[in-house]
C-alpha atoms as a PDB file:
ATOM      1  CA  MET A   1       0.012   0.013  -0.016  1.00  0.00           C
ATOM      2  CA  PHE A   2       1.451   3.330  -1.105  1.00  0.00           C
ATOM      3  CA  GLU A   3       0.712   6.482   0.890  1.00  0.00           C
ATOM      4  CA  TYR A   4       0.065   9.970  -0.497  1.00  0.00           C
ATOM      5  CA  PRO A   5      -0.128  12.280   2.621  1.00  0.00           C
ATOM      6  CA  ALA A   6      -2.626  15.052   2.526  1.00  0.00           C
ATOM      7  CA  VAL A   7      -1.578  18.635   1.950  1.00  0.00           C
ATOM      8  CA  GLY A   8      -2.053  20.827   5.095  1.00  0.00           C
ATOM      9  CA  ALA A   9      -1.944  20.377   8.784  1.00  0.00           C
ATOM     10  CA  GLY A  10      -4.498  18.687  10.951  1.00  0.00           C
ATOM     11  CA  VAL A  11      -6.548  15.429  10.990  1.00  0.00           C
ATOM     12  CA  HIS A  12      -7.646  14.399   7.504  1.00  0.00           C
ATOM     13  CA  SER A  13     -10.068  12.085   5.799  1.00  0.00           C
ATOM     14  CA  ALA A  14      -8.519   9.238   4.036  1.00  0.00           C
ATOM     15  CA  VAL A  15      -9.248   7.182   0.850  1.00  0.00           C
ATOM     16  CA  ILE A  16      -7.843   3.852  -0.131  1.00  0.00           C
ATOM     17  CA  VAL A  17      -7.747   3.628  -3.891  1.00  0.00           C
ATOM     18  CA  LEU A  18      -8.301   0.213  -5.525  1.00  0.00           C
ATOM     19  CA  PRO A  19      -7.193   0.058  -9.135  1.00  0.00           C
ATOM     20  CA  GLY A  20      -8.981  -2.002 -11.792  1.00  0.00           C
ATOM     21  CA  GLY A  21      -7.650  -4.746 -14.059  1.00  0.00           C
ATOM     22  CA  GLY A  22     -10.136  -7.589 -14.030  1.00  0.00           C
ATOM     23  CA  TYR A  23      -8.544  -9.159 -10.962  1.00  0.00           C
ATOM     24  CA  THR A  24      -5.655 -10.250 -13.229  1.00  0.00           C
ATOM     25  CA  HIS A  25      -3.553  -7.098 -13.259  1.00  0.00           C
ATOM     26  CA  LEU A  26      -3.587  -3.548 -11.737  1.00  0.00           C
ATOM     27  CA  VAL A  27      -3.981  -0.258 -13.681  1.00  0.00           C
ATOM     28  CA  THR A  28      -2.123   1.618 -10.918  1.00  0.00           C
ATOM     29  CA  GLY A  29      -1.308   4.761 -12.959  1.00  0.00           C
ATOM     30  CA  LYS A  30      -4.636   5.874 -14.473  1.00  0.00           C
ATOM     31  CA  GLU A  31      -6.730   4.254 -11.662  1.00  0.00           C
ATOM     32  CA  GLY A  32      -4.521   4.753  -8.621  1.00  0.00           C
ATOM     33  CA  ALA A  33      -1.676   7.311  -8.589  1.00  0.00           C
ATOM     34  CA  ALA A  34      -3.606  10.041 -10.440  1.00  0.00           C
ATOM     35  CA  GLU A  35      -6.552   9.847  -8.070  1.00  0.00           C
ATOM     36  CA  ALA A  36      -4.321   9.713  -4.965  1.00  0.00           C
ATOM     37  CA  ARG A  37      -2.517  12.879  -6.057  1.00  0.00           C
ATOM     38  CA  TRP A  38      -5.822  14.599  -6.639  1.00  0.00           C
ATOM     39  CA  LEU A  39      -7.053  13.634  -3.171  1.00  0.00           C
ATOM     40  CA  SER A  40      -3.793  14.602  -1.511  1.00  0.00           C
ATOM     41  CA  GLU A  41      -3.919  18.112  -3.084  1.00  0.00           C
ATOM     42  CA  ARG A  42      -7.441  18.594  -1.686  1.00  0.00           C
ATOM     43  CA  GLY A  43      -6.531  17.702   1.916  1.00  0.00           C
ATOM     44  CA  VAL A  44      -7.361  13.950   1.821  1.00  0.00           C
ATOM     45  CA  THR A  45      -4.695  11.354   2.614  1.00  0.00           C
ATOM     46  CA  ALA A  46      -4.764   8.628  -0.027  1.00  0.00           C
ATOM     47  CA  PHE A  47      -3.371   5.175  -0.309  1.00  0.00           C
ATOM     48  CA  VAL A  48      -3.086   3.010  -3.400  1.00  0.00           C
ATOM     49  CA  LEU A  49      -3.516  -0.694  -2.609  1.00  0.00           C
ATOM     50  CA  GLU A  50      -1.905  -3.559  -4.509  1.00  0.00           C
ATOM     51  CA  TYR A  51      -4.150  -6.477  -3.825  1.00  0.00           C
ATOM     52  CA  ARG A  52      -3.626 -10.090  -4.730  1.00  0.00           C
ATOM     53  CA  LEU A  53      -4.715 -11.236  -8.204  1.00  0.00           C
ATOM     54  CA  GLY A  54      -5.574 -14.266 -10.332  1.00  0.00           C
ATOM     55  CA  PRO A  55      -4.830 -16.712 -11.549  1.00  0.00           C
ATOM     56  CA  ARG A  56      -2.570 -17.432  -8.513  1.00  0.00           C
ATOM     57  CA  TYR A  57      -5.064 -15.941  -5.938  1.00  0.00           C
ATOM     58  CA  HIS A  58      -8.850 -16.178  -6.203  1.00  0.00           C
ATOM     59  CA  PHE A  59     -11.797 -15.164  -3.923  1.00  0.00           C
ATOM     60  CA  PRO A  60     -11.572 -14.176  -1.185  1.00  0.00           C
ATOM     61  CA  SER A  61      -7.877 -13.202  -1.212  1.00  0.00           C
ATOM     62  CA  PRO A  62      -8.492  -9.657  -2.810  1.00  0.00           C
ATOM     63  CA  MET A  63     -11.335  -9.097  -0.277  1.00  0.00           C
ATOM     64  CA  LEU A  64      -9.052 -10.044   2.665  1.00  0.00           C
ATOM     65  CA  ASP A  65      -6.389  -7.618   1.364  1.00  0.00           C
ATOM     66  CA  ALA A  66      -8.798  -4.720   1.093  1.00  0.00           C
ATOM     67  CA  ALA A  67     -10.230  -5.479   4.595  1.00  0.00           C
ATOM     68  CA  ARG A  68      -6.776  -5.571   6.019  1.00  0.00           C
ATOM     69  CA  ALA A  69      -5.870  -2.184   4.413  1.00  0.00           C
ATOM     70  CA  MET A  70      -9.004  -0.674   5.996  1.00  0.00           C
ATOM     71  CA  ARG A  71      -8.144  -2.079   9.334  1.00  0.00           C
ATOM     72  CA  TYR A  72      -4.540  -0.997   8.990  1.00  0.00           C
ATOM     73  CA  VAL A  73      -5.441   2.627   8.248  1.00  0.00           C
ATOM     74  CA  ARG A  74      -8.016   2.840  10.988  1.00  0.00           C
ATOM     75  CA  SER A  75      -5.772   1.223  13.607  1.00  0.00           C
ATOM     76  CA  HIS A  76      -2.969   3.582  12.703  1.00  0.00           C
ATOM     77  CA  ALA A  77      -5.112   6.728  12.362  1.00  0.00           C
ATOM     78  CA  VAL A  78      -3.313   8.634  15.026  1.00  0.00           C
ATOM     79  CA  GLU A  79       0.075   8.202  13.402  1.00  0.00           C
ATOM     80  CA  LEU A  80      -1.280   8.890   9.981  1.00  0.00           C
ATOM     81  CA  ASP A  81      -3.223  12.027  11.041  1.00  0.00           C
ATOM     82  CA  VAL A  82      -6.377  10.471   9.785  1.00  0.00           C
ATOM     83  CA  ALA A  83      -9.896  10.550  11.323  1.00  0.00           C
ATOM     84  CA  LYS A  84     -11.023   7.015  12.149  1.00  0.00           C
ATOM     85  CA  ASP A  85     -14.594   7.727  11.052  1.00  0.00           C
ATOM     86  CA  ARG A  86     -13.690   9.335   7.718  1.00  0.00           C
ATOM     87  CA  ILE A  87     -11.972   6.489   5.846  1.00  0.00           C
ATOM     88  CA  GLY A  88     -13.384   5.598   2.364  1.00  0.00           C
ATOM     89  CA  LEU A  89     -12.689   3.433  -0.657  1.00  0.00           C
ATOM     90  CA  TRP A  90     -12.479   4.469  -4.277  1.00  0.00           C
ATOM     91  CA  GLY A  91     -12.512   1.620  -6.718  1.00  0.00           C
ATOM     92  CA  PHE A  92     -12.347   1.273 -10.507  1.00  0.00           C
ATOM     93  CA  SER A  93     -13.807  -1.622 -12.551  1.00  0.00           C
ATOM     94  CA  ALA A  94     -12.647  -4.764 -10.666  1.00  0.00           C
ATOM     95  CA  GLY A  95     -11.524  -2.371  -7.829  1.00  0.00           C
ATOM     96  CA  ALA A  96     -15.011  -0.906  -7.779  1.00  0.00           C
ATOM     97  CA  HIS A  97     -16.476  -4.356  -7.333  1.00  0.00           C
ATOM     98  CA  LEU A  98     -13.975  -4.912  -4.537  1.00  0.00           C
ATOM     99  CA  ALA A  99     -14.955  -1.594  -2.834  1.00  0.00           C
ATOM    100  CA  GLY A 100     -18.670  -2.490  -3.226  1.00  0.00           C
ATOM    101  CA  TYR A 101     -18.104  -5.909  -1.773  1.00  0.00           C
ATOM    102  CA  LEU A 102     -16.322  -4.475   1.277  1.00  0.00           C
ATOM    103  CA  SER A 103     -19.091  -1.878   1.696  1.00  0.00           C
ATOM    104  CA  THR A 104     -21.565  -4.701   2.074  1.00  0.00           C
ATOM    105  CA  VAL A 105     -19.533  -7.510   3.693  1.00  0.00           C
ATOM    106  CA  ASN A 106     -17.634  -6.219   6.824  1.00  0.00           C
ATOM    107  CA  ASP A 107     -17.490  -6.479  10.604  1.00  0.00           C
ATOM    108  CA  THR A 108     -16.603  -4.490  13.602  1.00  0.00           C
ATOM    109  CA  GLY A 109     -13.321  -6.319  14.291  1.00  0.00           C
ATOM    110  CA  SER A 110     -12.268  -8.992  16.759  1.00  0.00           C
ATOM    111  CA  ALA A 111     -11.890  -7.311  20.196  1.00  0.00           C
ATOM    112  CA  GLY A 112      -9.887 -10.225  21.608  1.00  0.00           C
ATOM    113  CA  SER A 113      -7.452 -10.550  18.798  1.00  0.00           C
ATOM    114  CA  PRO A 114      -3.710 -10.578  19.638  1.00  0.00           C
ATOM    115  CA  ASP A 115      -3.244  -8.432  16.560  1.00  0.00           C
ATOM    116  CA  PRO A 116      -4.325  -4.824  17.254  1.00  0.00           C
ATOM    117  CA  ILE A 117      -5.005  -4.216  13.549  1.00  0.00           C
ATOM    118  CA  GLU A 118      -7.677  -6.962  13.584  1.00  0.00           C
ATOM    119  CA  ARG A 119      -9.399  -5.342  16.583  1.00  0.00           C
ATOM    120  CA  VAL A 120     -10.910  -2.475  14.523  1.00  0.00           C
ATOM    121  CA  SER A 121     -13.645  -2.409  11.923  1.00  0.00           C
ATOM    122  CA  ASP A 122     -13.062  -2.946   8.182  1.00  0.00           C
ATOM    123  CA  ARG A 123     -16.271  -1.108   7.123  1.00  0.00           C
ATOM    124  CA  PRO A 124     -15.551   1.882   4.909  1.00  0.00           C
ATOM    125  CA  ASP A 125     -17.249   5.190   5.915  1.00  0.00           C
ATOM    126  CA  PHE A 126     -18.019   5.975   2.304  1.00  0.00           C
ATOM    127  CA  ALA A 127     -17.295   4.392  -1.137  1.00  0.00           C
ATOM    128  CA  ILE A 128     -16.690   5.821  -4.661  1.00  0.00           C
ATOM    129  CA  LEU A 129     -17.482   3.329  -7.273  1.00  0.00           C
ATOM    130  CA  SER A 130     -16.355   3.833 -10.851  1.00  0.00           C
ATOM    131  CA  TYR A 131     -17.702   1.566 -13.699  1.00  0.00           C
ATOM    132  CA  GLY A 132     -17.820  -1.622 -11.641  1.00  0.00           C
ATOM    133  CA  ARG A 133     -19.677  -4.874 -11.976  1.00  0.00           C
ATOM    134  CA  PHE A 134     -22.047  -5.250  -9.036  1.00  0.00           C
ATOM    135  CA  SER A 135     -24.547  -7.853 -10.196  1.00  0.00           C
ATOM    136  CA  MET A 136     -24.081 -11.284 -11.778  1.00  0.00           C
ATOM    137  CA  ASP A 137     -27.771 -11.367 -12.782  1.00  0.00           C
ATOM    138  CA  GLU A 138     -28.343 -12.931 -16.160  1.00  0.00           C
ATOM    139  CA  ALA A 139     -30.650 -10.111 -17.025  1.00  0.00           C
ATOM    140  CA  ILE A 140     -27.623  -7.720 -17.254  1.00  0.00           C
ATOM    141  CA  PRO A 141     -25.466  -8.499 -20.313  1.00  0.00           C
ATOM    142  CA  ARG A 142     -21.861  -9.588 -19.506  1.00  0.00           C
ATOM    143  CA  SER A 143     -19.084 -11.309 -21.443  1.00  0.00           C
ATOM    144  CA  THR A 144     -17.231 -12.860 -18.504  1.00  0.00           C
ATOM    145  CA  ASN A 145     -17.918 -14.444 -15.209  1.00  0.00           C
ATOM    146  CA  MET A 146     -15.155 -12.545 -13.427  1.00  0.00           C
ATOM    147  CA  GLU A 147     -12.814 -15.471 -13.946  1.00  0.00           C
ATOM    148  CA  GLY A 148      -9.866 -13.476 -12.524  1.00  0.00           C
ATOM    149  CA  LEU A 149     -11.627 -13.644  -9.114  1.00  0.00           C
ATOM    150  CA  LEU A 150     -13.539 -16.851  -9.369  1.00  0.00           C
ATOM    151  CA  GLY A 151     -11.551 -19.151 -11.693  1.00  0.00           C
ATOM    152  CA  ASP A 152     -12.688 -20.586 -15.028  1.00  0.00           C
ATOM    153  CA  HIS A 153     -15.749 -22.452 -13.967  1.00  0.00           C
ATOM    154  CA  PRO A 154     -17.653 -20.530 -11.188  1.00  0.00           C
ATOM    155  CA  THR A 155     -20.814 -22.122  -9.779  1.00  0.00           C
ATOM    156  CA  GLU A 156     -24.038 -20.271  -9.306  1.00  0.00           C
ATOM    157  CA  ALA A 157     -23.376 -20.152  -5.621  1.00  0.00           C
ATOM    158  CA  MET A 158     -19.975 -18.557  -6.291  1.00  0.00           C
ATOM    159  CA  LEU A 159     -21.547 -15.967  -8.530  1.00  0.00           C
ATOM    160  CA  ASP A 160     -24.164 -15.075  -5.871  1.00  0.00           C
ATOM    161  CA  ALA A 161     -21.362 -14.847  -3.200  1.00  0.00           C
ATOM    162  CA  ILE A 162     -19.806 -11.948  -5.081  1.00  0.00           C
ATOM    163  CA  SER A 163     -22.932 -10.307  -6.419  1.00  0.00           C
ATOM    164  CA  VAL A 164     -22.805  -6.935  -4.465  1.00  0.00           C
ATOM    165  CA  VAL A 165     -26.395  -6.070  -5.249  1.00  0.00           C
ATOM    166  CA  LYS A 166     -27.565  -9.145  -3.368  1.00  0.00           C
ATOM    167  CA  LEU A 167     -25.368  -8.305  -0.365  1.00  0.00           C
ATOM    168  CA  VAL A 168     -26.616  -4.736   0.202  1.00  0.00           C
ATOM    169  CA  THR A 169     -28.078  -3.911   3.678  1.00  0.00           C
ATOM    170  CA  LYS A 170     -28.897  -0.768   5.497  1.00  0.00           C
ATOM    171  CA  ASN A 171     -25.399  -0.945   7.091  1.00  0.00           C
ATOM    172  CA  ALA A 172     -23.757  -0.058   3.715  1.00  0.00           C
ATOM    173  CA  PRO A 173     -22.010   3.386   3.710  1.00  0.00           C
ATOM    174  CA  PRO A 174     -22.886   6.317   1.509  1.00  0.00           C
ATOM    175  CA  CYS A 175     -21.900   5.624  -2.077  1.00  0.00           C
ATOM    176  CA  PHE A 176     -21.039   7.685  -5.193  1.00  0.00           C
ATOM    177  CA  ILE A 177     -21.495   5.770  -8.441  1.00  0.00           C
ATOM    178  CA  TYR A 178     -20.034   6.779 -11.810  1.00  0.00           C
ATOM    179  CA  SER A 179     -20.571   4.934 -15.109  1.00  0.00           C
ATOM    180  CA  THR A 180     -21.187   5.555 -18.860  1.00  0.00           C
ATOM    181  CA  THR A 181     -23.998   4.244 -21.060  1.00  0.00           C
ATOM    182  CA  ALA A 182     -21.544   3.494 -23.876  1.00  0.00           C
ATOM    183  CA  ASP A 183     -19.328   1.212 -21.641  1.00  0.00           C
ATOM    184  CA  GLN A 184     -19.083  -2.075 -23.648  1.00  0.00           C
ATOM    185  CA  THR A 185     -17.054  -3.826 -21.018  1.00  0.00           C
ATOM    186  CA  VAL A 186     -19.230  -3.407 -17.865  1.00  0.00           C
ATOM    187  CA  ASN A 187     -22.822  -2.609 -18.617  1.00  0.00           C
ATOM    188  CA  SER A 188     -24.045   0.510 -16.841  1.00  0.00           C
ATOM    189  CA  MET A 189     -27.112  -1.458 -15.725  1.00  0.00           C
ATOM    190  CA  ASN A 190     -24.801  -2.627 -12.944  1.00  0.00           C
ATOM    191  CA  ALA A 191     -24.656   0.954 -11.681  1.00  0.00           C
ATOM    192  CA  THR A 192     -28.484   1.342 -11.770  1.00  0.00           C
ATOM    193  CA  ALA A 193     -28.906  -2.061 -10.119  1.00  0.00           C
ATOM    194  CA  LEU A 194     -26.691  -1.081  -7.231  1.00  0.00           C
ATOM    195  CA  TYR A 195     -28.301   2.375  -6.965  1.00  0.00           C
ATOM    196  CA  ASP A 196     -31.705   0.708  -6.698  1.00  0.00           C
ATOM    197  CA  ALA A 197     -30.538  -1.727  -4.057  1.00  0.00           C
ATOM    198  CA  LEU A 198     -28.904   1.066  -1.963  1.00  0.00           C
ATOM    199  CA  LYS A 199     -32.022   3.244  -2.335  1.00  0.00           C
ATOM    200  CA  ARG A 200     -34.248   0.437  -1.169  1.00  0.00           C
ATOM    201  CA  ALA A 201     -32.021  -0.093   1.917  1.00  0.00           C
ATOM    202  CA  GLY A 202     -32.120   3.511   2.818  1.00  0.00           C
ATOM    203  CA  VAL A 203     -28.442   4.171   2.132  1.00  0.00           C
ATOM    204  CA  PRO A 204     -27.409   7.659   0.885  1.00  0.00           C
ATOM    205  CA  VAL A 205     -26.366   7.296  -2.725  1.00  0.00           C
ATOM    206  CA  GLU A 206     -25.565   9.568  -5.683  1.00  0.00           C
ATOM    207  CA  MET A 207     -25.146   8.360  -9.214  1.00  0.00           C
ATOM    208  CA  HIS A 208     -23.915   9.904 -12.488  1.00  0.00           C
ATOM    209  CA  ILE A 209     -24.159   7.981 -15.701  1.00  0.00           C
ATOM    210  CA  PHE A 210     -22.774   9.826 -18.764  1.00  0.00           C
ATOM    211  CA  GLU A 211     -24.071   8.930 -22.255  1.00  0.00           C
ATOM    212  CA  ARG A 212     -20.668   8.698 -23.944  1.00  0.00           C
ATOM    213  CA  GLY A 213     -17.380   7.200 -22.789  1.00  0.00           C
ATOM    214  CA  PRO A 214     -15.666   3.861 -22.943  1.00  0.00           C
ATOM    215  CA  HIS A 215     -14.737   1.546 -20.086  1.00  0.00           C
ATOM    216  CA  GLY A 216     -11.773   2.789 -18.048  1.00  0.00           C
ATOM    217  CA  THR A 217     -12.012   6.526 -18.210  1.00  0.00           C
ATOM    218  CA  GLY A 218     -10.247   7.070 -14.867  1.00  0.00           C
ATOM    219  CA  MET A 219     -10.516  10.677 -13.797  1.00  0.00           C
ATOM    220  CA  ALA A 220     -11.941  11.507 -17.265  1.00  0.00           C
ATOM    221  CA  GLN A 221      -9.632  14.365 -17.945  1.00  0.00           C
ATOM    222  CA  GLY A 222      -8.373  15.376 -21.389  1.00  0.00           C
ATOM    223  CA  LEU A 223     -10.236  12.601 -23.176  1.00  0.00           C
ATOM    224  CA  LYS A 224     -10.422  13.214 -26.909  1.00  0.00           C
ATOM    225  CA  ASP A 225     -13.883  14.211 -28.045  1.00  0.00           C
ATOM    226  CA  LEU A 226     -15.354  13.621 -24.544  1.00  0.00           C
ATOM    227  CA  PRO A 227     -15.116  17.051 -22.894  1.00  0.00           C
ATOM    228  CA  GLU A 228     -18.378  16.466 -20.958  1.00  0.00           C
ATOM    229  CA  LEU A 229     -16.778  13.821 -18.798  1.00  0.00           C
ATOM    230  CA  ALA A 230     -14.209  16.270 -17.425  1.00  0.00           C
ATOM    231  CA  ILE A 231     -16.669  17.524 -14.793  1.00  0.00           C
ATOM    232  CA  TYR A 232     -16.666  14.123 -13.054  1.00  0.00           C
ATOM    233  CA  PRO A 233     -14.032  15.065 -10.368  1.00  0.00           C
ATOM    234  CA  THR A 234     -15.963  18.239  -9.607  1.00  0.00           C
ATOM    235  CA  LEU A 235     -19.153  16.332  -9.034  1.00  0.00           C
ATOM    236  CA  LEU A 236     -17.202  13.989  -6.741  1.00  0.00           C
ATOM    237  CA  ALA A 237     -15.617  16.821  -4.872  1.00  0.00           C
ATOM    238  CA  ASN A 238     -19.022  18.416  -4.301  1.00  0.00           C
ATOM    239  CA  TRP A 239     -20.328  15.183  -2.832  1.00  0.00           C
ATOM    240  CA  MET A 240     -17.285  14.663  -0.595  1.00  0.00           C
ATOM    241  CA  GLU A 241     -17.560  18.280   0.580  1.00  0.00           C
ATOM    242  CA  LEU A 242     -21.249  17.886   1.292  1.00  0.00           C
ATOM    243  CA  HIS A 243     -20.589  15.011   3.708  1.00  0.00           C
ATOM    244  CA  GLY A 244     -17.509  16.653   5.280  1.00  0.00           C
ATOM    245  CA  TRP A 245     -14.907  14.185   3.781  1.00  0.00           C
ATOM    246  CA  MET A 246     -13.238  16.926   1.764  1.00  0.00           C
ATOM    247  CA  ARG A 247     -12.642  20.568   2.650  1.00  0.00           C
ATOM    248  CA  ASN A 248     -14.141  23.164   0.338  1.00  0.00           C
END
């Protein structure tokens, strides 16, 4: 995990960035370092996590890595000048699925653990989810079964176990969802399905789906012939400021 300390004095919010890459590789430049620098410049301490990948590692290894990262930052909040109750996740594609999973499957920690890191919660206080797959429902078109995470022949039970939409409860944190209608890799119906599930559970959620734009737009800056996407970071900053996770 790579740290990007926040600019300015005081106790800061924090975000752990989870790059995409289909659970087989990590796009750490466009979906990691760029976002971490953007957060740092705006007074939010950022971390970029390198989580375990297939084909060597499958479910639940990446989930355990993300949970451990959350617990690590929270348990070291004082040393890191981070507020324990303002730690979020920002995931892209597979990383967005991972962030969504941890937003719905988490615990308060094991109070009796000999490891102090394991004594604190791994629940994120908020989640930013960029063009992720959140449902394995047959009604939503898909070309893969997330083989990087589940292996070549996942069972229906395995697909259900990672289908974030089915795991949503009222305990999920506030979420910001970003997608594009033109995404041919992860259908934007994943975004609407998750929005609906969070809405039904009474979880605060904001969603922006742009008409144009391929899969993997990152921060959406300087994209040829797609100037409308450049406002995405502004929308995100407004949302974070609204909730007190970023200073305006």
